Protein backbone atom coordinates (compact mmCIF):
# COMPACT_ATOMS: atom_id res chain seq x y z
CA MET A 1 -63.89 38.98 -174.28
CA LEU A 2 -64.95 35.37 -174.38
CA LYS A 3 -62.97 33.37 -176.40
CA LYS A 4 -64.46 32.14 -179.68
CA VAL A 5 -65.68 28.39 -179.32
CA PRO A 6 -63.90 26.13 -181.64
CA HIS A 7 -65.30 24.74 -184.69
CA THR A 8 -66.73 21.17 -184.67
CA TYR A 9 -64.47 20.11 -187.16
CA VAL A 10 -61.72 21.46 -184.74
CA ILE A 11 -62.98 19.69 -182.02
CA ILE A 12 -62.90 16.52 -183.90
CA PHE A 13 -59.35 16.82 -184.99
CA PHE A 14 -58.29 17.25 -181.38
CA LEU A 15 -60.19 14.16 -180.14
CA ILE A 16 -58.31 12.35 -183.15
CA VAL A 17 -55.01 13.70 -182.02
CA PHE A 18 -55.72 12.44 -178.34
CA CYS A 19 -56.84 8.91 -179.39
CA ALA A 20 -53.46 8.82 -181.54
CA LEU A 21 -51.66 9.94 -178.11
CA LEU A 22 -53.33 7.11 -176.33
CA THR A 23 -51.88 4.53 -178.79
CA TRP A 24 -48.33 5.55 -177.34
CA LEU A 25 -49.62 5.00 -173.97
CA ILE A 26 -51.63 2.09 -174.03
CA PRO A 27 -50.02 -1.37 -175.02
CA GLY A 28 -51.52 -3.15 -177.99
CA GLY A 29 -53.87 -6.05 -177.35
CA GLU A 30 -56.64 -8.22 -178.58
CA PHE A 31 -59.08 -10.73 -178.24
CA GLU A 32 -59.61 -13.80 -180.65
CA ARG A 33 -63.00 -13.72 -182.50
CA GLU A 34 -65.23 -16.52 -183.45
CA GLN A 35 -68.26 -16.28 -185.81
CA VAL A 36 -71.57 -17.52 -183.81
CA VAL A 37 -75.01 -17.47 -185.25
CA VAL A 38 -77.23 -15.23 -182.92
CA ASN A 39 -80.88 -15.28 -183.47
CA GLY A 40 -80.25 -16.52 -187.04
CA VAL A 41 -77.79 -13.93 -187.87
CA GLU A 42 -73.96 -14.58 -187.92
CA ARG A 43 -71.79 -12.62 -185.81
CA SER A 44 -68.38 -12.14 -184.75
CA VAL A 45 -67.91 -12.33 -181.12
CA ILE A 46 -64.82 -12.68 -178.68
CA LYS A 47 -63.84 -15.95 -177.08
CA THR A 48 -63.46 -15.69 -173.45
CA GLY A 49 -60.15 -15.76 -171.83
CA SER A 50 -58.51 -15.18 -175.16
CA PHE A 51 -56.82 -11.49 -174.64
CA HIS A 52 -53.42 -11.52 -175.73
CA GLU A 53 -50.95 -8.63 -176.18
CA THR A 54 -49.96 -7.49 -179.55
CA ASP A 55 -47.14 -5.19 -180.92
CA SER A 56 -48.23 -1.84 -180.44
CA GLN A 57 -49.52 0.01 -183.46
CA LEU A 58 -48.65 3.65 -182.95
CA GLN A 59 -50.51 6.23 -184.76
CA THR A 60 -48.68 9.11 -186.25
CA TRP A 61 -49.50 10.01 -189.80
CA GLN A 62 -52.60 8.26 -189.38
CA ILE A 63 -54.27 11.12 -187.79
CA PHE A 64 -54.75 12.70 -191.39
CA SER A 65 -55.22 9.20 -193.14
CA SER A 66 -58.06 8.64 -190.63
CA PHE A 67 -60.37 11.06 -192.25
CA PHE A 68 -60.14 9.13 -195.50
CA ASP A 69 -60.76 5.88 -193.73
CA GLY A 70 -63.74 7.43 -191.66
CA PHE A 71 -65.34 8.39 -195.07
CA LEU A 72 -64.89 5.07 -196.25
CA ARG A 73 -66.45 3.42 -193.41
CA THR A 74 -69.60 5.71 -193.22
CA SER A 75 -70.07 6.15 -196.84
CA ASP A 76 -73.76 4.52 -196.55
CA ILE A 77 -74.54 7.20 -194.03
CA ILE A 78 -72.97 10.19 -195.90
CA ALA A 79 -74.90 9.11 -199.07
CA LEU A 80 -77.89 8.96 -196.96
CA ILE A 81 -77.62 12.64 -195.89
CA LEU A 82 -76.83 13.78 -199.35
CA LEU A 83 -79.64 12.15 -200.95
CA ILE A 84 -82.07 13.20 -198.33
CA GLY A 85 -80.81 16.78 -198.58
CA GLY A 86 -81.17 16.59 -202.29
CA SER A 87 -84.43 15.06 -202.26
CA PHE A 88 -85.95 17.45 -199.60
CA TRP A 89 -84.67 20.42 -201.29
CA ILE A 90 -86.82 19.53 -204.43
CA LEU A 91 -89.81 19.07 -202.23
CA ASN A 92 -89.39 22.32 -200.24
CA ASP A 93 -89.31 24.00 -203.49
CA SER A 94 -92.80 23.44 -204.07
CA LYS A 95 -93.64 24.89 -200.63
CA SER A 96 -95.54 21.81 -199.60
CA ILE A 97 -93.95 21.44 -196.31
CA ASP A 98 -94.72 25.02 -195.66
CA ILE A 99 -98.22 24.43 -196.49
CA GLY A 100 -98.35 21.60 -194.32
CA ILE A 101 -97.00 23.46 -191.23
CA TYR A 102 -99.06 26.53 -191.97
CA THR A 103 -102.35 24.16 -191.89
CA PHE A 104 -101.22 22.23 -188.90
CA LEU A 105 -100.74 25.58 -186.74
CA LYS A 106 -103.98 26.70 -187.98
CA ARG A 107 -105.85 23.30 -186.62
CA ILE A 108 -103.84 23.91 -183.47
CA LYS A 109 -105.21 27.40 -183.06
CA ARG A 110 -108.81 26.11 -183.36
CA LEU A 111 -108.13 23.36 -181.03
CA GLU A 112 -106.85 25.61 -178.15
CA GLN A 113 -110.17 27.23 -178.29
CA SER A 114 -111.26 24.16 -176.14
CA LYS A 115 -110.72 25.21 -172.36
CA MET A 116 -109.74 21.74 -171.40
CA LEU A 117 -107.09 21.49 -174.42
CA ALA A 118 -105.92 24.74 -173.67
CA PHE A 119 -105.53 24.25 -169.85
CA VAL A 120 -103.20 21.14 -170.51
CA GLY A 121 -101.55 22.81 -173.71
CA VAL A 122 -102.33 21.99 -177.09
CA HIS A 123 -98.76 22.19 -177.81
CA ASN A 124 -97.60 20.00 -174.93
CA ILE A 125 -100.15 17.27 -176.21
CA VAL A 126 -98.63 17.47 -179.80
CA LEU A 127 -94.96 17.19 -178.30
CA VAL A 128 -95.73 14.31 -176.09
CA ALA A 129 -97.61 12.40 -178.92
CA VAL A 130 -94.69 13.00 -181.45
CA MET A 131 -92.25 11.77 -179.10
CA THR A 132 -94.21 8.70 -177.95
CA ILE A 133 -94.59 7.45 -181.43
CA PHE A 134 -90.53 7.78 -181.93
CA SER A 135 -89.61 6.38 -178.78
CA LEU A 136 -91.82 3.10 -179.51
CA PHE A 137 -89.89 3.01 -182.87
CA GLY A 138 -86.72 3.16 -180.86
CA ALA A 139 -88.05 0.61 -178.32
CA ILE A 140 -89.26 -1.88 -180.91
CA PHE A 141 -87.12 -1.88 -183.81
CA GLY A 142 -84.25 0.34 -182.91
CA MET A 143 -84.74 3.32 -185.01
CA SER A 144 -81.91 5.27 -185.37
CA GLU A 145 -80.44 6.23 -189.04
CA GLU A 146 -84.04 7.06 -189.77
CA THR A 147 -84.11 10.28 -187.49
CA ILE A 148 -81.96 12.02 -190.05
CA ALA A 149 -84.70 12.06 -192.41
CA PHE A 150 -87.25 13.29 -189.96
CA THR A 151 -85.04 16.08 -188.78
CA ILE A 152 -85.69 18.26 -191.92
CA ILE A 153 -89.39 17.91 -191.11
CA PHE A 154 -89.28 18.60 -187.32
CA VAL A 155 -86.82 21.39 -187.05
CA PRO A 156 -88.92 24.02 -189.20
CA LEU A 157 -92.16 22.74 -187.60
CA ALA A 158 -90.82 23.26 -184.09
CA ILE A 159 -89.70 26.72 -184.94
CA SER A 160 -93.02 27.62 -186.66
CA MET A 161 -94.66 26.36 -183.31
CA GLY A 162 -92.32 28.92 -181.24
CA TYR A 163 -89.44 26.72 -180.14
CA ASP A 164 -86.20 26.17 -181.32
CA SER A 165 -84.31 23.55 -183.40
CA ILE A 166 -83.12 21.56 -180.21
CA VAL A 167 -86.91 20.74 -179.51
CA GLY A 168 -87.23 20.03 -183.34
CA VAL A 169 -84.34 17.26 -182.74
CA SER A 170 -85.88 16.13 -179.61
CA LEU A 171 -89.12 15.34 -181.45
CA CYS A 172 -87.38 12.58 -183.37
CA PHE A 173 -83.88 11.91 -182.50
CA ILE A 174 -83.98 12.24 -178.56
CA ALA A 175 -87.21 10.34 -178.54
CA ALA A 176 -86.08 7.66 -180.35
CA ALA A 177 -82.92 7.57 -178.43
CA LEU A 178 -85.14 7.27 -174.97
CA GLY A 179 -87.02 4.41 -176.69
CA PHE A 180 -83.82 2.79 -177.84
CA ALA A 181 -82.18 3.07 -174.26
CA GLY A 182 -85.35 1.58 -172.64
CA ALA A 183 -85.91 -0.85 -175.29
CA PHE A 184 -88.09 -4.10 -174.72
CA LEU A 185 -88.14 -5.69 -178.08
CA ASN A 186 -85.41 -4.24 -179.98
CA PRO A 187 -83.75 -7.18 -182.04
CA PHE A 188 -80.43 -5.12 -182.59
CA THR A 189 -79.74 -4.46 -178.70
CA ILE A 190 -81.87 -6.67 -176.78
CA GLY A 191 -81.86 -9.50 -178.98
CA VAL A 192 -78.19 -9.69 -179.75
CA ALA A 193 -77.39 -9.39 -176.25
CA GLN A 194 -79.83 -12.02 -175.03
CA GLY A 195 -78.70 -14.49 -177.49
CA LEU A 196 -75.05 -13.92 -176.77
CA SER A 197 -75.86 -14.59 -172.93
CA HIS A 198 -77.92 -17.70 -174.07
CA ILE A 199 -81.11 -16.63 -172.11
CA PRO A 200 -84.77 -16.80 -173.82
CA LEU A 201 -85.13 -13.88 -176.33
CA PHE A 202 -86.96 -10.99 -175.23
CA SER A 203 -87.58 -12.43 -171.36
CA GLY A 204 -87.77 -9.95 -168.77
CA LEU A 205 -90.23 -8.02 -171.10
CA GLU A 206 -92.59 -6.71 -168.08
CA TYR A 207 -89.63 -4.83 -166.44
CA ARG A 208 -88.29 -3.50 -169.50
CA ILE A 209 -91.73 -1.81 -170.06
CA VAL A 210 -91.56 -0.21 -166.72
CA MET A 211 -87.99 0.84 -167.57
CA TRP A 212 -89.32 2.45 -170.76
CA LEU A 213 -92.15 4.27 -169.00
CA ILE A 214 -89.94 5.73 -166.23
CA ILE A 215 -86.95 6.60 -168.86
CA ASN A 216 -89.81 8.33 -170.81
CA PHE A 217 -91.39 10.08 -168.05
CA PHE A 218 -88.28 11.98 -166.94
CA GLY A 219 -86.85 12.46 -170.73
CA PHE A 220 -90.30 13.93 -171.82
CA ALA A 221 -90.74 16.16 -168.60
CA PHE A 222 -87.04 17.53 -169.16
CA ILE A 223 -87.98 18.08 -172.91
CA LEU A 224 -91.35 19.98 -171.96
CA ARG A 225 -89.83 22.20 -169.46
CA TYR A 226 -87.11 23.13 -171.65
CA ALA A 227 -89.62 23.88 -174.51
CA ALA A 228 -91.85 25.93 -172.23
CA LYS A 229 -88.80 28.04 -171.50
CA ILE A 230 -88.04 28.59 -175.32
CA LYS A 231 -91.87 29.32 -176.03
CA LYS A 232 -91.77 32.05 -173.21
CA ASP A 233 -88.67 33.61 -174.70
CA PRO A 234 -87.05 32.29 -177.93
CA THR A 235 -83.90 34.30 -177.37
CA LYS A 236 -82.89 32.02 -174.29
CA SER A 237 -82.37 29.39 -176.92
CA PRO A 238 -78.50 28.40 -176.92
CA VAL A 239 -78.94 28.17 -180.63
CA TYR A 240 -81.23 31.20 -181.34
CA GLU A 241 -78.67 32.80 -183.84
CA ASP A 242 -78.01 29.55 -185.36
CA ASP A 243 -82.02 29.06 -186.04
CA ALA A 244 -81.89 32.20 -188.01
CA TYR A 245 -81.42 29.87 -191.25
CA TRP A 246 -84.32 28.14 -190.47
CA ARG A 247 -86.52 31.08 -189.52
CA SER A 248 -85.70 32.75 -192.83
CA ARG A 249 -86.65 29.58 -194.92
CA ASN A 250 -90.05 29.32 -192.60
CA GLU A 251 -92.11 32.27 -193.88
CA THR A 252 -95.34 30.46 -193.59
CA THR A 253 -97.71 33.37 -193.13
CA ASN A 254 -97.77 33.96 -196.65
CA VAL A 255 -97.70 30.90 -198.24
CA LYS A 256 -100.31 30.16 -201.03
CA ILE A 257 -101.94 26.92 -201.85
CA GLU A 258 -101.46 26.12 -205.53
CA LYS A 259 -104.83 25.38 -207.02
CA ILE A 260 -103.58 24.51 -210.40
CA LYS A 261 -103.06 20.62 -211.11
CA PRO A 262 -100.72 20.12 -213.70
CA ALA A 263 -100.84 17.13 -216.06
CA ALA A 264 -97.24 16.18 -214.81
CA ALA A 265 -98.82 15.52 -211.23
CA TRP A 266 -101.45 13.11 -212.48
CA PHE A 267 -98.63 11.62 -214.51
CA ALA A 268 -96.43 11.24 -211.23
CA PHE A 269 -99.53 9.76 -209.54
CA ALA A 270 -100.33 7.32 -212.21
CA ILE A 271 -96.81 6.25 -212.45
CA ILE A 272 -96.44 5.55 -208.81
CA SER A 273 -99.84 3.80 -208.38
CA VAL A 274 -98.81 1.35 -211.08
CA ALA A 275 -95.36 0.59 -209.30
CA LEU A 276 -97.18 0.22 -206.08
CA ILE A 277 -99.73 -2.33 -207.70
CA ILE A 278 -96.86 -4.39 -209.01
CA PHE A 279 -95.30 -4.37 -205.76
CA SER A 280 -98.56 -5.47 -204.21
CA VAL A 281 -98.77 -8.37 -206.50
CA PHE A 282 -95.02 -9.58 -205.84
CA ILE A 283 -95.32 -9.01 -202.29
CA PRO A 284 -98.84 -9.67 -201.20
CA LYS A 285 -98.14 -10.13 -197.63
CA SER A 286 -95.38 -8.61 -195.31
CA SER A 287 -94.50 -10.48 -191.91
CA ILE A 288 -93.57 -7.84 -189.23
CA ALA A 289 -91.95 -9.03 -185.83
CA ILE A 290 -92.62 -7.54 -183.00
CA GLY A 291 -90.74 -9.44 -180.07
CA ASN A 292 -91.43 -13.14 -180.48
CA SER A 293 -94.81 -12.40 -182.29
CA LEU A 294 -95.03 -12.57 -186.13
CA ILE A 295 -97.83 -10.30 -187.95
CA THR A 296 -98.56 -11.45 -191.47
CA ALA A 297 -101.06 -9.40 -193.24
CA PRO A 298 -101.39 -8.01 -196.70
CA ILE A 299 -100.04 -4.67 -195.57
CA ILE A 300 -98.30 -3.45 -198.86
CA PRO A 301 -101.76 -3.91 -200.94
CA ALA A 302 -103.74 -2.30 -198.25
CA VAL A 303 -101.42 0.60 -198.08
CA THR A 304 -101.45 1.13 -201.80
CA LEU A 305 -105.24 1.12 -201.99
CA PHE A 306 -105.30 3.90 -199.32
CA PHE A 307 -102.45 5.72 -201.10
CA ILE A 308 -104.46 5.53 -204.45
CA VAL A 309 -107.55 6.93 -202.93
CA MET A 310 -106.00 9.74 -200.79
CA GLY A 311 -103.35 10.54 -203.67
CA ALA A 312 -106.42 11.19 -205.96
CA LEU A 313 -108.50 13.17 -203.32
CA THR A 314 -105.59 15.38 -202.51
CA LEU A 315 -104.60 16.00 -206.08
CA ARG A 316 -108.02 17.28 -206.76
CA ARG A 317 -107.44 19.82 -204.00
CA SER A 318 -103.99 20.93 -204.79
CA VAL A 319 -100.70 19.68 -205.86
CA GLN A 320 -99.07 20.63 -202.73
CA TYR A 321 -101.44 18.47 -200.62
CA PHE A 322 -100.59 15.66 -203.08
CA ILE A 323 -96.70 16.13 -202.46
CA LEU A 324 -97.38 16.20 -198.77
CA THR A 325 -99.51 12.77 -199.15
CA LEU A 326 -96.41 11.38 -201.14
CA LEU A 327 -94.27 12.31 -198.25
CA THR A 328 -96.55 10.62 -195.71
CA PHE A 329 -96.79 7.40 -197.54
CA THR A 330 -93.09 7.61 -197.90
CA ILE A 331 -92.87 7.46 -194.09
CA VAL A 332 -95.52 4.86 -193.86
CA PHE A 333 -93.62 2.58 -196.48
CA LEU A 334 -90.23 3.26 -194.69
CA VAL A 335 -91.90 1.95 -191.50
CA ILE A 336 -93.22 -1.14 -193.24
CA GLY A 337 -89.83 -1.57 -195.15
CA VAL A 338 -87.80 -1.42 -191.82
CA MET A 339 -90.09 -3.51 -189.65
CA GLY A 340 -91.20 -6.26 -192.30
CA HIS A 341 -88.62 -6.46 -195.05
CA GLY A 342 -85.08 -5.65 -193.26
CA TRP A 343 -84.70 -2.19 -195.07
CA TYR A 344 -81.42 -0.46 -194.03
CA ILE A 345 -79.59 2.70 -195.14
CA LYS A 346 -79.44 1.78 -198.95
CA GLU A 347 -83.38 1.13 -199.09
CA ILE A 348 -84.09 4.20 -196.71
CA ALA A 349 -82.02 6.57 -199.20
CA THR A 350 -83.61 5.10 -202.46
CA ILE A 351 -87.40 5.76 -201.26
CA PHE A 352 -86.34 9.26 -200.35
CA LEU A 353 -84.77 9.82 -203.60
CA ALA A 354 -87.72 8.44 -205.34
CA MET A 355 -89.92 10.78 -203.17
CA GLY A 356 -87.92 13.88 -204.33
CA ILE A 357 -87.81 13.11 -208.09
CA PHE A 358 -91.52 12.48 -208.26
CA SER A 359 -92.19 15.43 -206.01
CA GLY A 360 -90.35 17.53 -208.58
CA ILE A 361 -92.15 15.72 -211.54
CA ALA A 362 -95.63 16.50 -209.76
CA ALA A 363 -94.71 20.29 -209.48
CA ASN A 364 -94.06 20.31 -213.07
CA LYS A 365 -90.33 20.77 -212.83
CA SER A 366 -88.15 20.10 -215.94
CA PRO A 367 -85.49 17.21 -215.56
CA ASN A 368 -82.76 19.91 -215.53
CA ALA A 369 -84.73 21.97 -212.85
CA ILE A 370 -85.09 18.96 -210.84
CA THR A 371 -81.45 18.05 -211.18
CA LYS A 372 -80.34 21.60 -210.15
CA LEU A 373 -82.74 21.43 -207.15
CA PHE A 374 -81.10 18.31 -206.18
CA LEU A 375 -77.49 19.40 -206.61
CA ASP A 376 -78.48 22.83 -204.48
CA GLY A 377 -79.78 20.66 -201.59
CA ALA A 378 -77.01 18.40 -201.59
CA LYS A 379 -74.56 21.34 -201.77
CA ASP A 380 -76.44 22.86 -198.77
CA ILE A 381 -76.25 19.58 -196.72
CA LEU A 382 -72.60 18.83 -197.80
CA PRO A 383 -71.19 19.86 -194.19
CA ALA A 384 -73.53 17.41 -192.27
CA ALA A 385 -72.39 14.74 -194.29
CA MET A 386 -68.61 15.63 -194.32
CA ILE A 387 -68.80 15.88 -190.35
CA VAL A 388 -69.96 12.24 -190.09
CA GLY A 389 -67.07 10.86 -192.05
CA LEU A 390 -64.53 13.13 -189.92
CA ALA A 391 -66.04 11.97 -186.53
CA ARG A 392 -65.48 8.31 -187.35
CA GLY A 393 -61.80 8.94 -187.77
CA ILE A 394 -61.66 8.86 -183.90
CA VAL A 395 -62.88 5.24 -184.08
CA VAL A 396 -60.55 4.41 -186.85
CA ILE A 397 -57.63 5.59 -184.88
CA LEU A 398 -58.68 3.36 -181.64
CA GLU A 399 -59.42 0.35 -183.77
CA ASP A 400 -56.19 0.50 -185.72
CA GLY A 401 -54.25 1.24 -182.84
CA LYS A 402 -55.51 -1.90 -181.40
CA ILE A 403 -56.24 -0.35 -177.72
CA ILE A 404 -60.17 -1.00 -177.30
CA ASP A 405 -59.55 -4.46 -176.61
CA THR A 406 -56.44 -3.86 -174.21
CA ILE A 407 -58.81 -1.23 -172.41
CA LEU A 408 -61.74 -3.54 -172.07
CA PHE A 409 -59.70 -6.37 -170.45
CA TYR A 410 -57.74 -4.59 -168.11
CA VAL A 411 -60.89 -2.78 -166.75
CA SER A 412 -63.08 -6.00 -166.73
CA ASP A 413 -60.06 -7.89 -165.10
CA SER A 414 -59.80 -5.47 -162.25
CA MET A 415 -63.53 -5.07 -161.18
CA GLN A 416 -64.58 -8.53 -159.89
CA ASN A 417 -63.63 -7.71 -156.16
CA PHE A 418 -66.22 -4.88 -155.52
CA GLY A 419 -69.47 -6.83 -154.64
CA GLU A 420 -72.68 -6.99 -156.45
CA VAL A 421 -73.22 -3.22 -156.10
CA GLY A 422 -69.83 -2.14 -156.78
CA THR A 423 -69.38 -4.43 -159.74
CA VAL A 424 -72.64 -3.61 -161.20
CA GLY A 425 -71.97 0.11 -160.93
CA ILE A 426 -68.57 -0.63 -162.71
CA MET A 427 -69.85 -2.71 -165.36
CA TYR A 428 -72.82 -0.15 -166.15
CA LEU A 429 -69.72 2.83 -166.24
CA ILE A 430 -67.67 0.56 -168.60
CA GLN A 431 -70.60 0.15 -170.90
CA THR A 432 -71.68 3.85 -170.75
CA MET A 433 -68.07 4.84 -171.39
CA LEU A 434 -67.34 2.48 -174.20
CA ASN A 435 -70.21 3.54 -176.02
CA VAL A 436 -68.46 6.75 -176.58
CA PHE A 437 -65.68 4.47 -178.79
CA ILE A 438 -68.20 1.91 -180.18
CA PRO A 439 -71.55 3.60 -181.03
CA SER A 440 -72.85 0.37 -182.55
CA GLY A 441 -75.32 -1.47 -180.21
CA SER A 442 -74.91 -4.74 -181.96
CA GLY A 443 -71.27 -4.36 -182.24
CA GLN A 444 -70.70 -3.56 -178.53
CA ALA A 445 -72.96 -6.23 -177.31
CA ALA A 446 -70.60 -8.70 -179.40
CA LEU A 447 -67.76 -7.28 -177.99
CA THR A 448 -68.77 -7.08 -174.46
CA ILE A 449 -71.33 -9.47 -173.47
CA PRO A 450 -69.29 -12.47 -173.60
CA ILE A 451 -67.04 -11.07 -170.69
CA MET A 452 -69.71 -9.45 -169.06
CA SER A 453 -71.98 -12.39 -168.70
CA GLN A 454 -68.90 -14.36 -167.27
CA ILE A 455 -68.39 -11.76 -164.78
CA SER A 456 -71.99 -11.75 -163.59
CA ASP A 457 -71.88 -15.60 -162.99
CA LEU A 458 -68.71 -15.15 -160.70
CA ILE A 459 -70.46 -12.32 -158.53
CA GLY A 460 -73.91 -14.15 -158.68
CA ILE A 461 -75.72 -11.79 -160.40
CA SER A 462 -78.65 -12.72 -163.36
CA ARG A 463 -77.24 -12.62 -166.80
CA GLN A 464 -80.61 -10.71 -167.36
CA THR A 465 -79.08 -8.03 -165.33
CA THR A 466 -76.10 -7.62 -167.58
CA VAL A 467 -78.24 -7.24 -170.53
CA VAL A 468 -79.80 -4.65 -168.60
CA ILE A 469 -76.52 -2.90 -167.92
CA PHE A 470 -75.48 -3.35 -171.44
CA GLN A 471 -78.94 -1.90 -172.78
CA LEU A 472 -78.94 1.13 -170.68
CA GLY A 473 -74.95 1.62 -170.77
CA ASP A 474 -75.58 1.66 -174.69
CA GLY A 475 -78.23 4.08 -174.88
CA PHE A 476 -77.93 7.46 -173.31
CA THR A 477 -74.35 8.53 -174.42
CA ASN A 478 -75.70 8.29 -177.82
CA LEU A 479 -77.03 11.85 -177.12
CA ILE A 480 -73.40 13.30 -176.82
CA THR A 481 -70.84 10.86 -178.32
CA PRO A 482 -69.03 12.63 -181.28
CA THR A 483 -68.30 9.02 -182.90
CA SER A 484 -71.92 8.64 -183.55
CA GLY A 485 -72.62 9.17 -187.16
CA VAL A 486 -76.39 9.44 -186.48
CA LEU A 487 -76.00 12.09 -183.78
CA ILE A 488 -73.60 14.03 -185.98
CA GLY A 489 -75.71 13.75 -189.08
CA VAL A 490 -78.72 14.92 -187.35
CA LEU A 491 -77.09 17.85 -185.90
CA GLY A 492 -75.47 18.83 -189.13
CA VAL A 493 -78.71 18.51 -190.77
CA ALA A 494 -80.43 20.65 -187.93
CA ARG A 495 -77.48 23.19 -188.12
CA ILE A 496 -76.77 22.81 -184.25
CA PRO A 497 -73.02 23.36 -183.64
CA TYR A 498 -71.95 20.05 -181.73
CA GLU A 499 -70.45 22.44 -178.57
CA LYS A 500 -73.58 24.18 -178.20
CA TRP A 501 -75.62 20.58 -178.42
CA PHE A 502 -72.93 18.95 -175.88
CA LYS A 503 -73.43 21.78 -173.36
CA TRP A 504 -77.36 21.54 -173.44
CA ALA A 505 -77.45 17.74 -173.50
CA ALA A 506 -74.78 16.92 -171.03
CA SER A 507 -76.85 17.51 -167.97
CA PHE A 508 -79.85 15.89 -169.44
CA THR A 509 -77.44 12.83 -170.22
CA LEU A 510 -76.23 12.75 -166.75
CA MET A 511 -79.79 12.87 -165.45
CA LEU A 512 -80.75 9.87 -167.55
CA ILE A 513 -77.38 7.71 -166.78
CA VAL A 514 -78.36 8.18 -162.89
CA ILE A 515 -81.82 7.06 -163.86
CA GLY A 516 -80.44 4.04 -165.33
CA PHE A 517 -78.11 3.15 -162.43
CA LEU A 518 -81.24 3.34 -160.14
CA LEU A 519 -83.31 1.06 -162.70
CA ILE A 520 -80.39 -1.65 -162.57
CA LEU A 521 -80.61 -2.19 -158.86
CA PRO A 522 -84.18 -3.86 -158.63
CA THR A 523 -82.88 -6.41 -161.05
CA VAL A 524 -80.08 -7.24 -158.57
CA PHE A 525 -82.15 -7.20 -155.30
CA MET A 526 -85.83 -8.14 -156.27
CA GLN A 527 -87.43 -11.11 -157.79
CA LEU A 528 -88.56 -9.90 -161.23
CA ASN A 529 -90.32 -12.44 -163.91
CA GLY A 530 -87.51 -13.24 -166.26
CA PHE A 531 -84.52 -12.36 -164.00
């Protein structure tokens, strides 16, 4: 009989114990930090040559206190997950998403009547189109935490299309991660790394676009091949039993469109419209940065006008279609806020909470009923929120044990005599492994780029190559690292056990890592623009 696979919480606990053991084996050390302004943002970076040994900070009882600290340090993501879970539970109670999925699938069946589209595969077109959009989001503005919210939408959609929750997660999270790794305009990775390397911001754009295309080609091909296998036989999915939860909630064959338009729905529509008009007056123009280009336009007023028109039209048809319109424009304003107004986790959580409350009002729910639905949703998604805090305990142990800087120093100090290819390979391996312990892209750049750029000067390779090494090394292991709050949050929302995800994603990640190394080599041996 096969042994039962340990629970995700158990795996995380043993990882914390292992990291605590490392603090007894690896001497303490740290670099001195200084505050520098990078692309208009003050960041803490290490001083070159400042490493010094410190007293060891042995971790013992901290194994348990790391859970508390982990919750504190990821409180923003935990709050985001709970607020999104509660809000979507309110929205789901109206059956609006079920209606949307049902309508979408009916339209796909109509498209399949076209011989040309049927030959290519309508489902394949849909999957590629959605993944391309999210990959662009990752490449342009570094979409990451936002994918937690989209997981609730795409997992039931994928299962309704005959796939599984892994395909649903691939549509948003993996696609955004592929774009993040092959980014060409991401200010949080490329912008910070190039600023710290003192090279022109977003230079080398042409080759990065080529990298993005290649990474997406192989990434999408892998996902489509897997999706086709699951479509043929859903029982071959490693999460088939886990997806029973979604299948039980995804009974879209008997959904009914609610023709009644309660007065409360018109009231919600009026309140939202007035609020958006006020925002349009106070924020008449938005400036969206795309690379070095700045686009300024009356985006919020234009979208507000579009919402008022679409809201009135859909509300005349059905309150459920109005709620879907509310969801759609929530996502639109999310993109505008992130790209044009610097929104982050607090603003994202706020806009989804507002969406949930107004969805409940539109569905003619009482305040008590809305509250109960919200609490039920938060309760349902609580395990996903908890695991984010627990996983962060791994990083807490390593940081408090003061061994991350020690590992980085000794590894970087020992790799300078391997020639160009050897050193580049080791630098790439270091960045890839370090991403497991420092999943923050900008944080990893602040720690490693000052060292790596100096090493690149010593061996005679371009600093632009060093940025590419950081970019790719920082990207791919985001798909499997248990210290990533975003990954753990997405898996928790999708109800995919980490051990099953790791087994599925490990070969995929390894393939991408190899492709990444091959993409680095041309930057060493070829004359590329910006390198």
